[in-house]
Amino acid sequence: MSPTRPWALLAVAAVCALAAWLVARSSFADLPTLPWSGAPALLVLAAAEALSGRNLRARIQGRHGGKPLAPIAVARMAALAKASSMGAAAFGGIAAGFFVYTAGLLNMTVPRGDAINAGITAASAGVLVAAALYLERCCRAPSRREDDGQ
């Protein structure tokens, strides 16, 4: 499995942003208001992944006592990190597309609320992408130089 490429994440976010902008442009009046609950959920996931990455890295490097990790557990965490980074890029792109559309309508109450929710959700998705990339990096095996120094 190869590391996640930042360009792939940017491409997913851009395509989703364009699609969301087109949907909002064609049928914004028919859409329900954006929920505020997306941002806290993304932030909770980001905190869980960052904490998991820190603990996983410590166990891989042998800093915590106990049994060594099974290789399949590390592979599962890497798969989780790759999936959540792509999912967060998609959600962030959708939120960014809605934000771009509603940013021009800030003088009305409902689009202003949607713009705030979309902006906060896009930022939270960016935090989740960063946490997922950190978890993916923590899943790497230590290099020989790190092994020799310890």
Protein backbone atom coordinates (compact mmCIF):
# COMPACT_ATOMS: atom_id res chain seq x y z
CA MET A 1 0.00 0.00 0.00
CA SER A 2 1.46 3.33 -1.01
CA PRO A 3 1.16 6.52 1.04
CA THR A 4 -1.71 8.86 0.32
CA ARG A 5 -0.78 11.50 -2.21
CA PRO A 6 -1.78 15.09 -1.37
CA TRP A 7 -2.70 15.68 -5.01
CA ALA A 8 -5.23 12.86 -4.86
CA LEU A 9 -6.86 14.46 -1.83
CA LEU A 10 -6.91 17.84 -3.56
CA ALA A 11 -8.43 16.31 -6.69
CA VAL A 12 -11.21 14.62 -4.69
CA ALA A 13 -11.91 17.85 -2.80
CA ALA A 14 -11.97 19.91 -6.01
CA VAL A 15 -14.33 17.55 -7.83
CA CYS A 16 -16.68 17.41 -4.84
CA ALA A 17 -16.55 21.19 -4.43
CA LEU A 18 -17.44 21.70 -8.07
CA ALA A 19 -20.30 19.21 -7.86
CA ALA A 20 -21.67 20.82 -4.69
CA TRP A 21 -21.40 24.29 -6.20
CA LEU A 22 -23.31 23.14 -9.30
CA VAL A 23 -26.03 21.51 -7.19
CA ALA A 24 -26.34 24.58 -4.98
CA ARG A 25 -26.43 26.87 -8.01
CA SER A 26 -29.20 24.91 -9.70
CA SER A 27 -31.41 24.13 -6.71
CA PHE A 28 -30.36 26.07 -3.60
CA ALA A 29 -33.93 27.15 -2.78
CA ASP A 30 -35.10 23.53 -2.71
CA LEU A 31 -32.30 22.28 -0.45
CA PRO A 32 -32.68 22.05 3.33
CA THR A 33 -30.39 24.14 5.51
CA LEU A 34 -26.98 22.65 6.23
CA PRO A 35 -26.74 20.95 9.64
CA TRP A 36 -24.26 22.18 12.22
CA SER A 37 -23.57 18.65 13.49
CA GLY A 38 -21.06 17.75 10.77
CA ALA A 39 -18.21 19.80 12.22
CA PRO A 40 -18.24 18.32 15.75
CA ALA A 41 -18.42 14.80 14.33
CA LEU A 42 -15.43 15.42 12.10
CA LEU A 43 -13.48 16.95 14.99
CA VAL A 44 -14.22 13.96 17.25
CA LEU A 45 -12.98 11.62 14.53
CA ALA A 46 -9.86 13.77 14.08
CA ALA A 47 -9.11 13.66 17.81
CA ALA A 48 -9.59 9.88 17.89
CA GLU A 49 -7.29 9.35 14.91
CA ALA A 50 -4.60 11.67 16.25
CA LEU A 51 -4.66 9.93 19.64
CA SER A 52 -4.60 6.51 17.96
CA GLY A 53 -1.64 7.59 15.86
CA ARG A 54 0.30 8.77 18.90
CA ASN A 55 -0.35 5.53 20.78
CA LEU A 56 0.33 3.36 17.73
CA ARG A 57 3.65 5.08 17.04
CA ALA A 58 4.74 4.60 20.65
CA ARG A 59 3.88 0.89 20.52
CA ILE A 60 5.64 0.39 17.19
CA GLN A 61 8.77 2.05 18.58
CA GLY A 62 8.55 -0.07 21.72
CA ARG A 63 8.10 2.80 24.17
CA HIS A 64 5.04 1.25 25.78
CA GLY A 65 5.45 -2.08 27.48
CA GLY A 66 3.16 -4.95 26.65
CA LYS A 67 2.69 -7.20 23.70
CA PRO A 68 3.91 -6.09 20.31
CA LEU A 69 1.28 -5.15 17.76
CA ALA A 70 0.11 -7.66 15.22
CA PRO A 71 1.01 -6.56 11.69
CA ILE A 72 -2.64 -6.87 10.62
CA ALA A 73 -3.64 -4.31 13.28
CA VAL A 74 -1.21 -1.79 11.84
CA ALA A 75 -2.46 -2.53 8.32
CA ARG A 76 -6.04 -1.96 9.46
CA MET A 77 -5.11 1.36 11.02
CA ALA A 78 -3.36 2.39 7.79
CA ALA A 79 -6.48 1.45 5.80
CA LEU A 80 -8.61 3.47 8.23
CA ALA A 81 -6.31 6.44 7.79
CA LYS A 82 -6.43 6.26 3.99
CA ALA A 83 -10.21 5.91 3.94
CA SER A 84 -10.85 8.71 6.38
CA SER A 85 -8.48 11.10 4.60
CA MET A 86 -10.32 10.51 1.31
CA GLY A 87 -13.72 10.75 2.99
CA ALA A 88 -12.76 13.94 4.78
CA ALA A 89 -11.46 15.40 1.53
CA ALA A 90 -14.81 14.62 -0.10
CA PHE A 91 -16.83 16.11 2.78
CA GLY A 92 -14.55 19.11 2.89
CA GLY A 93 -14.95 19.64 -0.84
CA ILE A 94 -18.73 19.46 -0.60
CA ALA A 95 -18.73 21.94 2.26
CA ALA A 96 -16.34 24.22 0.39
CA GLY A 97 -18.57 24.15 -2.69
CA PHE A 98 -21.57 25.19 -0.62
CA PHE A 99 -19.49 27.84 1.12
CA VAL A 100 -18.35 29.36 -2.16
CA TYR A 101 -21.94 29.52 -3.41
CA THR A 102 -23.41 30.95 -0.20
CA ALA A 103 -20.59 33.45 0.33
CA GLY A 104 -22.23 35.68 -2.26
CA LEU A 105 -25.55 35.62 -0.39
CA LEU A 106 -24.43 36.74 3.07
CA ASN A 107 -27.00 39.54 3.23
CA MET A 108 -29.82 36.96 3.69
CA THR A 109 -30.33 35.05 6.94
CA VAL A 110 -30.59 31.44 5.73
CA PRO A 111 -27.63 31.52 3.30
CA ARG A 112 -25.52 33.26 5.96
CA GLY A 113 -26.17 30.39 8.38
CA ASP A 114 -25.40 27.88 5.65
CA ALA A 115 -22.17 29.71 4.81
CA ILE A 116 -21.07 29.64 8.45
CA ASN A 117 -21.91 25.93 8.79
CA ALA A 118 -20.22 25.09 5.50
CA GLY A 119 -17.07 27.03 6.38
CA ILE A 120 -16.75 25.42 9.80
CA THR A 121 -17.42 21.98 8.32
CA ALA A 122 -14.79 22.50 5.62
CA ALA A 123 -12.24 23.55 8.25
CA SER A 124 -13.13 20.54 10.41
CA ALA A 125 -12.68 18.26 7.41
CA GLY A 126 -9.23 19.75 6.91
CA VAL A 127 -8.38 18.91 10.52
CA LEU A 128 -9.55 15.32 9.94
CA VAL A 129 -7.42 15.06 6.79
CA ALA A 130 -4.39 16.20 8.79
CA ALA A 131 -5.12 13.72 11.59
CA ALA A 132 -5.61 10.88 9.10
CA LEU A 133 -2.33 11.67 7.37
CA TYR A 134 -0.62 11.72 10.78
CA LEU A 135 -2.13 8.30 11.63
CA GLU A 136 -0.98 6.96 8.27
CA ARG A 137 2.54 8.25 8.93
CA CYS A 138 2.54 6.64 12.37
CA CYS A 139 1.80 3.26 10.76
CA ARG A 140 5.17 3.21 9.00
CA ALA A 141 7.82 0.85 10.23
CA PRO A 142 10.82 2.53 11.86
CA SER A 143 13.83 2.95 9.58
CA ARG A 144 17.07 1.12 10.23
CA ARG A 145 18.73 4.29 11.54
CA GLU A 146 16.00 4.68 14.18
CA ASP A 147 16.40 1.00 15.15
CA ASP A 148 20.20 1.33 15.50
CA GLY A 149 19.93 4.43 17.69
CA GLN A 150 17.62 2.78 20.22
